[in-house]
């Protein structure tokens, strides 16, 4: 009787091991399916984000290129105003600079 009980116990252990292996395999398959789903969701979110950033970039490019002519004209006006100011200041201090240079050149130091 003990031999059959031992044999019966071994059979129960083998059945339990097979059941445990089935549960582990099912859990692995579920985990892999969830990882695949998460990866697909992440890729979709990345694609959506990239599309949003690209659209924002294209809007910025369109805005800046649309105003390009106005920006160039404004910069040219500012540049001309600065050049005019510098020429006026140079003309104003030019005699003083010439006098200072002459004084330094003609002064003899021992």
N, C-alpha and C. Protein backbone atom coordinates (compact mmCIF):
# COMPACT_ATOMS: atom_id res chain seq x y z
N UNK A 1 0.81 -1.18 0.00
CA UNK A 1 0.00 0.00 0.00
C UNK A 1 0.85 1.25 0.00
N UNK A 2 1.95 1.10 0.72
CA UNK A 2 2.79 2.29 0.79
C UNK A 2 3.41 2.59 -0.56
N UNK A 3 3.67 1.60 -1.36
CA UNK A 3 4.23 1.81 -2.68
C UNK A 3 3.24 2.55 -3.55
N UNK A 4 1.99 2.18 -3.48
CA UNK A 4 0.99 2.88 -4.29
C UNK A 4 0.77 4.29 -3.77
N UNK A 5 0.84 4.46 -2.44
CA UNK A 5 0.68 5.80 -1.87
C UNK A 5 1.87 6.67 -2.30
N UNK A 6 3.07 6.13 -2.30
CA UNK A 6 4.26 6.86 -2.74
C UNK A 6 4.18 7.21 -4.22
N UNK A 7 3.69 6.21 -4.98
CA UNK A 7 3.52 6.45 -6.42
C UNK A 7 2.46 7.51 -6.65
N UNK A 8 1.41 7.47 -5.87
CA UNK A 8 0.33 8.44 -5.98
C UNK A 8 0.84 9.84 -5.61
N UNK A 9 1.68 9.92 -4.58
CA UNK A 9 2.24 11.20 -4.16
C UNK A 9 3.15 11.79 -5.23
N UNK A 10 3.95 10.93 -5.88
CA UNK A 10 4.82 11.40 -6.95
C UNK A 10 3.99 11.92 -8.12
N UNK A 11 2.90 11.18 -8.42
CA UNK A 11 2.02 11.60 -9.52
C UNK A 11 1.41 12.96 -9.20
N UNK A 12 1.02 13.19 -7.95
CA UNK A 12 0.43 14.48 -7.54
C UNK A 12 1.47 15.60 -7.66
N UNK A 13 2.71 15.29 -7.27
CA UNK A 13 3.77 16.29 -7.38
C UNK A 13 4.03 16.65 -8.85
N UNK A 14 4.03 15.65 -9.72
CA UNK A 14 4.25 15.91 -11.14
C UNK A 14 3.10 16.75 -11.72
N UNK A 15 1.89 16.44 -11.32
CA UNK A 15 0.73 17.20 -11.78
C UNK A 15 0.81 18.64 -11.27
N UNK A 16 1.18 18.82 -10.02
CA UNK A 16 1.31 20.17 -9.44
C UNK A 16 2.42 20.94 -10.16
N UNK A 17 3.53 20.25 -10.47
CA UNK A 17 4.63 20.92 -11.16
C UNK A 17 4.21 21.35 -12.56
N UNK A 18 3.45 20.48 -13.25
CA UNK A 18 2.96 20.83 -14.58
C UNK A 18 2.01 22.02 -14.51
N UNK A 19 1.14 22.03 -13.50
CA UNK A 19 0.20 23.14 -13.32
C UNK A 19 0.95 24.44 -13.02
N UNK A 20 1.97 24.33 -12.19
CA UNK A 20 2.77 25.52 -11.86
C UNK A 20 3.48 26.03 -13.12
N UNK A 21 4.01 25.12 -13.91
CA UNK A 21 4.69 25.52 -15.15
C UNK A 21 3.72 26.19 -16.11
N UNK A 22 2.49 25.68 -16.18
CA UNK A 22 1.47 26.27 -17.03
C UNK A 22 1.15 27.68 -16.56
N UNK A 23 1.03 27.87 -15.24
CA UNK A 23 0.73 29.19 -14.69
C UNK A 23 1.87 30.17 -14.98
N UNK A 24 3.12 29.68 -14.80
CA UNK A 24 4.28 30.54 -15.07
C UNK A 24 4.33 30.92 -16.55
N UNK A 25 4.07 29.96 -17.44
CA UNK A 25 4.08 30.24 -18.87
C UNK A 25 2.99 31.24 -19.25
N UNK A 26 1.82 31.09 -18.64
CA UNK A 26 0.72 32.03 -18.91
C UNK A 26 1.09 33.42 -18.42
N UNK A 27 1.72 33.52 -17.26
CA UNK A 27 2.14 34.81 -16.72
C UNK A 27 3.20 35.45 -17.62
N UNK A 28 4.15 34.64 -18.12
CA UNK A 28 5.17 35.16 -19.03
C UNK A 28 4.53 35.69 -20.31
N UNK A 29 3.59 34.92 -20.85
CA UNK A 29 2.92 35.34 -22.08
C UNK A 29 2.15 36.64 -21.85
N UNK A 30 1.47 36.75 -20.71
CA UNK A 30 0.72 37.98 -20.39
C UNK A 30 1.68 39.16 -20.22
N UNK A 31 2.81 38.90 -19.58
CA UNK A 31 3.81 39.95 -19.38
C UNK A 31 4.35 40.43 -20.73
N UNK A 32 4.68 39.49 -21.61
CA UNK A 32 5.20 39.85 -22.92
C UNK A 32 4.16 40.62 -23.73
N UNK A 33 2.90 40.20 -23.64
CA UNK A 33 1.84 40.90 -24.35
C UNK A 33 1.70 42.33 -23.82
N UNK A 34 1.78 42.50 -22.52
CA UNK A 34 1.66 43.83 -21.91
C UNK A 34 2.85 44.71 -22.28
N UNK A 35 4.07 44.12 -22.30
CA UNK A 35 5.24 44.88 -22.71
C UNK A 35 5.13 45.33 -24.16
N UNK A 36 4.63 44.44 -25.02
CA UNK A 36 4.46 44.79 -26.43
C UNK A 36 3.43 45.92 -26.57
N UNK A 37 2.33 45.81 -25.82
CA UNK A 37 1.30 46.84 -25.85
C UNK A 37 1.86 48.17 -25.34
N UNK A 38 2.64 48.15 -24.27
CA UNK A 38 3.23 49.37 -23.71
C UNK A 38 4.18 50.00 -24.71
N UNK A 39 4.96 49.16 -25.40
CA UNK A 39 5.90 49.67 -26.40
C UNK A 39 5.14 50.34 -27.54
N UNK A 40 4.07 49.71 -28.01
CA UNK A 40 3.27 50.30 -29.08
C UNK A 40 2.65 51.62 -28.65
N UNK A 41 2.14 51.68 -27.40
CA UNK A 41 1.56 52.92 -26.89
C UNK A 41 2.63 54.01 -26.80
N UNK A 42 3.81 53.66 -26.33
CA UNK A 42 4.90 54.64 -26.22
C UNK A 42 5.31 55.15 -27.60
N UNK A 43 5.40 54.27 -28.57
CA UNK A 43 5.75 54.69 -29.92
C UNK A 43 4.69 55.62 -30.50
N UNK A 44 3.42 55.34 -30.21
CA UNK A 44 2.34 56.21 -30.68
C UNK A 44 2.43 57.58 -30.03
N UNK A 45 2.70 57.61 -28.72
CA UNK A 45 2.84 58.89 -28.02
C UNK A 45 4.02 59.67 -28.57
N UNK A 46 5.12 58.99 -28.85
CA UNK A 46 6.30 59.66 -29.41
C UNK A 46 5.97 60.24 -30.78
N UNK A 47 5.26 59.48 -31.60
CA UNK A 47 4.90 59.96 -32.93
C UNK A 47 3.97 61.18 -32.82
N UNK A 48 3.01 61.14 -31.89
CA UNK A 48 2.11 62.28 -31.69
C UNK A 48 2.89 63.51 -31.23
N UNK A 49 3.80 63.31 -30.27
CA UNK A 49 4.60 64.43 -29.76
C UNK A 49 5.48 65.01 -30.86
N UNK A 50 6.09 64.14 -31.64
CA UNK A 50 6.94 64.59 -32.74
C UNK A 50 6.12 65.40 -33.75
N UNK A 51 4.91 64.94 -34.04
CA UNK A 51 4.05 65.66 -34.98
C UNK A 51 3.68 67.03 -34.43
N UNK A 52 3.39 67.11 -33.13
CA UNK A 52 3.07 68.40 -32.52
C UNK A 52 4.26 69.34 -32.59
N UNK A 53 5.44 68.85 -32.25
CA UNK A 53 6.64 69.69 -32.28
C UNK A 53 6.97 70.14 -33.71
N UNK A 54 6.78 69.25 -34.66
CA UNK A 54 7.04 69.60 -36.06
C UNK A 54 6.06 70.68 -36.53
N UNK A 55 4.79 70.54 -36.14
CA UNK A 55 3.80 71.55 -36.51
C UNK A 55 4.13 72.90 -35.88
N UNK A 56 4.53 72.90 -34.62
CA UNK A 56 4.90 74.14 -33.96
C UNK A 56 6.11 74.76 -34.64
N UNK A 57 7.09 73.94 -35.00
CA UNK A 57 8.27 74.43 -35.69
C UNK A 57 7.90 75.04 -37.04
N UNK A 58 7.04 74.35 -37.78
CA UNK A 58 6.63 74.86 -39.09
C UNK A 58 5.89 76.19 -38.96
N UNK A 59 5.06 76.33 -37.89
CA UNK A 59 4.37 77.61 -37.65
C UNK A 59 5.39 78.72 -37.39
N UNK A 60 6.39 78.42 -36.56
CA UNK A 60 7.43 79.42 -36.25
C UNK A 60 8.18 79.81 -37.52
N UNK A 61 8.52 78.82 -38.34
CA UNK A 61 9.24 79.11 -39.58
C UNK A 61 8.37 79.98 -40.49
N UNK A 62 7.09 79.64 -40.58
CA UNK A 62 6.19 80.41 -41.43
C UNK A 62 6.04 81.84 -40.92
N UNK A 63 5.95 82.00 -39.59
CA UNK A 63 5.82 83.34 -39.01
C UNK A 63 7.07 84.16 -39.27
N UNK A 64 8.23 83.56 -39.07
CA UNK A 64 9.47 84.32 -39.23
C UNK A 64 9.77 84.61 -40.69
N UNK A 65 9.45 83.68 -41.59
CA UNK A 65 9.72 83.94 -43.00
C UNK A 65 8.71 84.92 -43.58
N UNK A 66 7.51 84.95 -43.04
CA UNK A 66 6.51 85.91 -43.50
C UNK A 66 6.92 87.33 -43.16
N UNK A 67 7.55 87.52 -42.03
CA UNK A 67 7.97 88.84 -41.59
C UNK A 67 9.40 89.14 -42.02
N UNK A 68 9.99 88.29 -42.81
CA UNK A 68 11.39 88.42 -43.17
C UNK A 68 11.66 89.76 -43.85
N UNK A 69 10.83 90.14 -44.78
CA UNK A 69 11.01 91.42 -45.47
C UNK A 69 10.91 92.59 -44.52
N UNK A 70 9.96 92.53 -43.61
CA UNK A 70 9.79 93.61 -42.63
C UNK A 70 10.98 93.66 -41.68
N UNK A 71 11.47 92.49 -41.29
CA UNK A 71 12.64 92.45 -40.39
C UNK A 71 13.88 93.02 -41.08
N UNK A 72 14.08 92.67 -42.33
CA UNK A 72 15.24 93.17 -43.07
C UNK A 72 15.17 94.69 -43.17
N UNK A 73 13.99 95.21 -43.50
CA UNK A 73 13.82 96.66 -43.64
C UNK A 73 14.07 97.35 -42.30
N UNK A 74 13.54 96.79 -41.22
CA UNK A 74 13.73 97.38 -39.90
C UNK A 74 15.20 97.38 -39.52
N UNK A 75 15.90 96.24 -39.77
CA UNK A 75 17.32 96.16 -39.46
C UNK A 75 18.13 97.15 -40.29
N UNK A 76 17.77 97.33 -41.56
CA UNK A 76 18.48 98.30 -42.39
C UNK A 76 18.30 99.72 -41.86
N UNK A 77 17.09 100.04 -41.42
CA UNK A 77 16.83 101.37 -40.87
C UNK A 77 17.63 101.58 -39.58
N UNK A 78 17.64 100.58 -38.72
CA UNK A 78 18.41 100.70 -37.48
C UNK A 78 19.90 100.86 -37.77
N UNK A 79 20.40 100.09 -38.74
CA UNK A 79 21.81 100.18 -39.11
C UNK A 79 22.15 101.56 -39.65
N UNK A 80 21.31 102.09 -40.53
CA UNK A 80 21.54 103.42 -41.08
C UNK A 80 21.53 104.47 -39.97
N UNK A 81 20.61 104.35 -39.02
CA UNK A 81 20.55 105.31 -37.91
C UNK A 81 21.82 105.24 -37.08
N UNK A 82 22.31 104.04 -36.80
CA UNK A 82 23.54 103.89 -36.03
C UNK A 82 24.75 104.45 -36.79
N UNK A 83 24.83 104.19 -38.08
CA UNK A 83 25.93 104.72 -38.89
C UNK A 83 25.90 106.25 -38.88
N UNK A 84 24.73 106.81 -39.06
CA UNK A 84 24.58 108.28 -39.04
C UNK A 84 25.03 108.84 -37.69
N UNK A 85 24.62 108.20 -36.60
CA UNK A 85 25.00 108.64 -35.26
C UNK A 85 26.52 108.58 -35.08
N UNK A 86 27.15 107.46 -35.52
CA UNK A 86 28.60 107.32 -35.38
C UNK A 86 29.35 108.38 -36.20
N UNK A 87 28.87 108.66 -37.42
CA UNK A 87 29.52 109.68 -38.25
C UNK A 87 29.41 111.06 -37.60
N UNK A 88 28.24 111.33 -37.04
CA UNK A 88 28.03 112.62 -36.38
C UNK A 88 28.95 112.77 -35.17
N UNK A 89 29.08 111.72 -34.37
CA UNK A 89 29.96 111.76 -33.20
C UNK A 89 31.42 111.88 -33.63
N UNK A 90 31.82 111.17 -34.68
CA UNK A 90 33.20 111.25 -35.17
C UNK A 90 33.51 112.65 -35.64
N UNK A 91 32.59 113.28 -36.35
CA UNK A 91 32.80 114.64 -36.82
C UNK A 91 32.87 115.61 -35.64
N UNK A 92 32.12 115.38 -34.60
CA UNK A 92 32.09 116.26 -33.44
C UNK A 92 33.42 116.20 -32.67
N UNK A 93 33.99 115.03 -32.49
CA UNK A 93 35.20 114.92 -31.67
C UNK A 93 36.49 114.90 -32.48
N UNK A 94 36.39 114.90 -33.81
CA UNK A 94 37.57 114.84 -34.66
C UNK A 94 38.56 115.98 -34.39
N UNK A 95 38.13 117.24 -34.29
CA UNK A 95 39.11 118.30 -34.02
C UNK A 95 39.83 118.11 -32.69
N UNK A 96 39.12 117.67 -31.68
CA UNK A 96 39.76 117.44 -30.38
C UNK A 96 40.81 116.33 -30.47
N UNK A 97 40.51 115.29 -31.19
CA UNK A 97 41.44 114.17 -31.34
C UNK A 97 42.69 114.63 -32.09
N UNK A 98 42.49 115.42 -33.15
CA UNK A 98 43.63 115.92 -33.92
C UNK A 98 44.51 116.79 -33.02
N UNK A 99 43.91 117.67 -32.23
CA UNK A 99 44.68 118.54 -31.32
C UNK A 99 45.45 117.69 -30.29
N UNK A 100 44.82 116.69 -29.74
CA UNK A 100 45.48 115.83 -28.76
C UNK A 100 46.67 115.11 -29.39
N UNK A 101 46.49 114.57 -30.58
CA UNK A 101 47.58 113.88 -31.26
C UNK A 101 48.73 114.83 -31.57
N UNK A 102 48.42 116.04 -32.05
CA UNK A 102 49.48 117.01 -32.34
C UNK A 102 50.24 117.39 -31.08
N UNK A 103 49.52 117.56 -29.99
CA UNK A 103 50.15 117.92 -28.73
C UNK A 103 51.10 116.82 -28.28
N UNK A 104 50.69 115.56 -28.38
CA UNK A 104 51.54 114.45 -27.97
C UNK A 104 52.74 114.26 -28.91
N UNK A 105 52.54 114.51 -30.18
CA UNK A 105 53.62 114.33 -31.13
C UNK A 105 54.65 115.45 -31.03
N UNK A 106 54.20 116.66 -30.77
CA UNK A 106 55.12 117.80 -30.73
C UNK A 106 55.75 118.04 -29.37
N UNK A 107 55.27 117.39 -28.33
CA UNK A 107 55.84 117.57 -27.01
C UNK A 107 57.06 116.68 -26.87
N UNK A 108 58.18 117.29 -26.44
CA UNK A 108 59.41 116.53 -26.25
C UNK A 108 59.59 116.26 -24.77
N UNK A 109 59.84 115.04 -24.45
CA UNK A 109 60.07 114.66 -23.05
C UNK A 109 61.50 114.19 -22.91
N UNK A 110 62.15 114.59 -21.81
CA UNK A 110 63.54 114.17 -21.56
C UNK A 110 63.58 112.96 -20.72
